[in-house]
Amino acid sequence: MLRPAAAADVEPIAELRALVMRPDLVRLGRYDEHRVRQRFRDAFDARHTCVVTVGGDLAGCLTVRPVDTGLWLEHFYLAPHVQGRGLGSAVLRSVLARADAEGAAVGLVVLQGSPARRLYERHGFVMAAEDPVDVTMTRPVARTATATAAPNA
């Protein structure tokens, strides 16, 4: 289930972010106990954030912001105990269906070496840029059958 986020969700999501991101941030030498939580608190916007629940319990979250180039997917975290069961793909498919309906491209940033990159690649994202810490990925606007059909002569 996805539900709109509320102000009361900030701290539980900040804790989830710290838990989920810790292995990759430690590996990259970038883990900071305070900063990992504060970055979420500073960026939180309930208008664009949904909470993922399983059995009524917090299982993850995602933020999808409108930007000039389409949609920007950020703060997509799933608790370790629900990862690897198709939930990430299901949530991502819902975001991509929205993007397709809006005719929008989708962009995101994933940490170098993160297993999440494979999820994004399976769903049509390609690398747009990278640095030693981050990989920026994009999924172009989906082409519909109407857009790809040859015009009638």
Protein backbone atom coordinates (compact mmCIF):
# COMPACT_ATOMS: atom_id res chain seq x y z
CA MET A 1 0.00 0.00 0.00
CA LEU A 2 1.03 3.58 -0.65
CA ARG A 3 -0.32 6.38 1.46
CA PRO A 4 0.44 10.10 1.52
CA ALA A 5 3.15 11.05 3.99
CA ALA A 6 2.44 13.22 7.01
CA ALA A 7 4.65 15.31 9.27
CA ALA A 8 4.65 12.47 11.83
CA ASP A 9 6.43 10.25 9.27
CA VAL A 10 9.60 12.36 9.13
CA GLU A 11 11.52 10.74 11.98
CA PRO A 12 10.59 7.10 11.19
CA ILE A 13 11.58 7.67 7.55
CA ALA A 14 14.82 9.41 8.55
CA GLU A 15 15.67 6.32 10.64
CA LEU A 16 14.79 4.02 7.75
CA ARG A 17 17.02 6.07 5.43
CA ALA A 18 19.94 5.72 7.85
CA LEU A 19 19.42 1.95 8.09
CA VAL A 20 19.05 1.36 4.35
CA MET A 21 21.83 3.67 3.18
CA ARG A 22 24.40 2.82 5.85
CA PRO A 23 26.12 -0.11 4.05
CA ASP A 24 26.67 1.83 0.81
CA LEU A 25 27.66 5.05 2.57
CA VAL A 26 30.12 3.20 4.81
CA ARG A 27 31.59 1.43 1.77
CA LEU A 28 32.03 4.80 0.06
CA GLY A 29 33.51 6.41 3.19
CA ARG A 30 30.58 8.86 3.38
CA TYR A 31 28.54 7.69 6.37
CA ASP A 32 27.76 10.37 8.93
CA GLU A 33 25.32 9.39 11.69
CA HIS A 34 23.71 12.85 11.84
CA ARG A 35 23.93 13.92 8.20
CA VAL A 36 22.25 10.80 6.81
CA ARG A 37 19.11 11.65 8.79
CA GLN A 38 19.29 15.44 8.47
CA ARG A 39 19.43 15.36 4.68
CA PHE A 40 16.03 13.65 4.65
CA ARG A 41 14.58 16.03 7.27
CA ASP A 42 15.77 19.05 5.27
CA ALA A 43 14.32 17.77 1.98
CA PHE A 44 11.04 16.32 3.31
CA ASP A 45 7.97 17.54 1.44
CA ALA A 46 4.75 15.72 2.31
CA ARG A 47 3.13 16.92 -0.95
CA HIS A 48 5.44 14.68 -2.99
CA THR A 49 6.15 11.84 -0.55
CA CYS A 50 4.34 8.54 -0.06
CA VAL A 51 4.83 5.94 2.62
CA VAL A 52 4.99 2.28 1.63
CA THR A 53 3.20 0.05 4.12
CA VAL A 54 3.04 -3.71 4.42
CA GLY A 55 0.47 -5.07 6.82
CA GLY A 56 -0.09 -1.51 8.06
CA ASP A 57 3.57 -1.10 9.08
CA LEU A 58 6.13 1.28 7.60
CA ALA A 59 8.06 -0.62 4.94
CA GLY A 60 9.45 2.23 2.89
CA CYS A 61 8.90 5.56 1.25
CA LEU A 62 9.41 7.45 -1.96
CA THR A 63 9.36 11.04 -3.08
CA VAL A 64 8.50 11.98 -6.66
CA ARG A 65 8.96 15.66 -7.44
CA PRO A 66 7.96 17.43 -10.62
CA VAL A 67 10.98 19.11 -12.29
CA ASP A 68 11.52 20.91 -15.59
CA THR A 69 12.66 17.69 -17.28
CA GLY A 70 9.79 15.52 -15.97
CA LEU A 71 9.79 13.74 -12.62
CA TRP A 72 12.59 13.28 -10.10
CA LEU A 73 12.54 10.12 -7.99
CA GLU A 74 14.26 10.49 -4.66
CA HIS A 75 14.11 9.06 -1.17
CA PHE A 76 13.08 5.61 -2.38
CA TYR A 77 13.86 3.33 0.54
CA LEU A 78 12.55 -0.09 1.44
CA ALA A 79 13.20 -1.76 4.78
CA PRO A 80 15.66 -4.65 4.46
CA HIS A 81 13.06 -7.23 5.54
CA VAL A 82 10.84 -6.43 2.51
CA GLN A 83 13.59 -6.13 -0.10
CA GLY A 84 13.98 -8.81 -2.75
CA ARG A 85 10.28 -9.70 -2.84
CA GLY A 86 9.16 -7.58 -5.80
CA LEU A 87 7.87 -4.67 -3.75
CA GLY A 88 10.44 -2.23 -5.17
CA SER A 89 9.48 -3.19 -8.73
CA ALA A 90 5.78 -2.78 -7.93
CA VAL A 91 6.30 0.67 -6.45
CA LEU A 92 8.59 1.70 -9.30
CA ARG A 93 6.06 0.49 -11.89
CA SER A 94 3.45 2.79 -10.32
CA VAL A 95 5.82 5.77 -10.62
CA LEU A 96 6.63 4.89 -14.23
CA ALA A 97 2.94 4.48 -15.09
CA ARG A 98 2.36 8.01 -13.79
CA ALA A 99 5.32 9.28 -15.82
CA ASP A 100 4.04 7.55 -18.94
CA ALA A 101 0.56 9.03 -18.45
CA GLU A 102 2.12 12.49 -18.11
CA GLY A 103 4.56 11.96 -20.97
CA ALA A 104 7.40 12.64 -18.54
CA ALA A 105 10.98 11.43 -18.27
CA VAL A 106 12.15 10.25 -14.84
CA GLY A 107 15.50 10.97 -13.26
CA LEU A 108 17.21 9.81 -10.09
CA VAL A 109 20.56 9.44 -8.35
CA VAL A 110 21.81 6.14 -6.94
CA LEU A 111 25.00 5.56 -4.98
CA GLN A 112 27.91 3.93 -6.79
CA GLY A 113 27.83 0.17 -6.27
CA SER A 114 24.31 0.12 -4.84
CA PRO A 115 22.27 -2.99 -5.69
CA ALA A 116 19.34 -0.62 -6.37
CA ARG A 117 21.00 0.30 -9.66
CA ARG A 118 20.06 -3.12 -11.09
CA LEU A 119 16.40 -2.46 -10.20
CA TYR A 120 16.47 0.83 -12.08
CA GLU A 121 18.22 -0.68 -15.09
CA ARG A 122 15.59 -3.45 -15.30
CA HIS A 123 12.98 -0.72 -15.56
CA GLY A 124 14.63 1.17 -18.42
CA PHE A 125 16.87 3.64 -16.62
CA VAL A 126 20.25 4.39 -18.15
CA MET A 127 23.27 6.17 -16.76
CA ALA A 128 23.39 9.86 -17.64
CA ALA A 129 26.40 10.86 -15.53
CA GLU A 130 28.53 9.58 -12.70
CA ASP A 131 31.14 10.63 -10.21
CA PRO A 132 33.00 8.66 -7.52
CA VAL A 133 29.91 8.67 -5.25
CA ASP A 134 26.77 9.07 -7.36
CA VAL A 135 25.29 7.74 -10.58
CA THR A 136 22.63 9.91 -12.21
CA MET A 137 20.16 7.83 -14.19
CA THR A 138 17.28 8.72 -16.46
CA ARG A 139 14.38 6.93 -18.03
CA PRO A 140 13.30 8.72 -21.19
CA VAL A 141 9.71 9.51 -21.98
CA ALA A 142 7.99 6.25 -22.89
CA ARG A 143 7.01 6.03 -26.53
CA THR A 144 3.42 4.97 -26.98
CA ALA A 145 2.14 2.88 -29.88
CA THR A 146 0.44 6.02 -31.22
CA ALA A 147 3.66 8.01 -31.12
CA THR A 148 5.62 5.30 -32.91
CA ALA A 149 3.06 4.40 -35.57
CA ALA A 150 3.71 5.59 -39.09
CA PRO A 151 1.42 8.45 -40.11
CA ASN A 152 -1.23 7.70 -42.71
CA ALA A 153 -0.42 8.97 -46.21
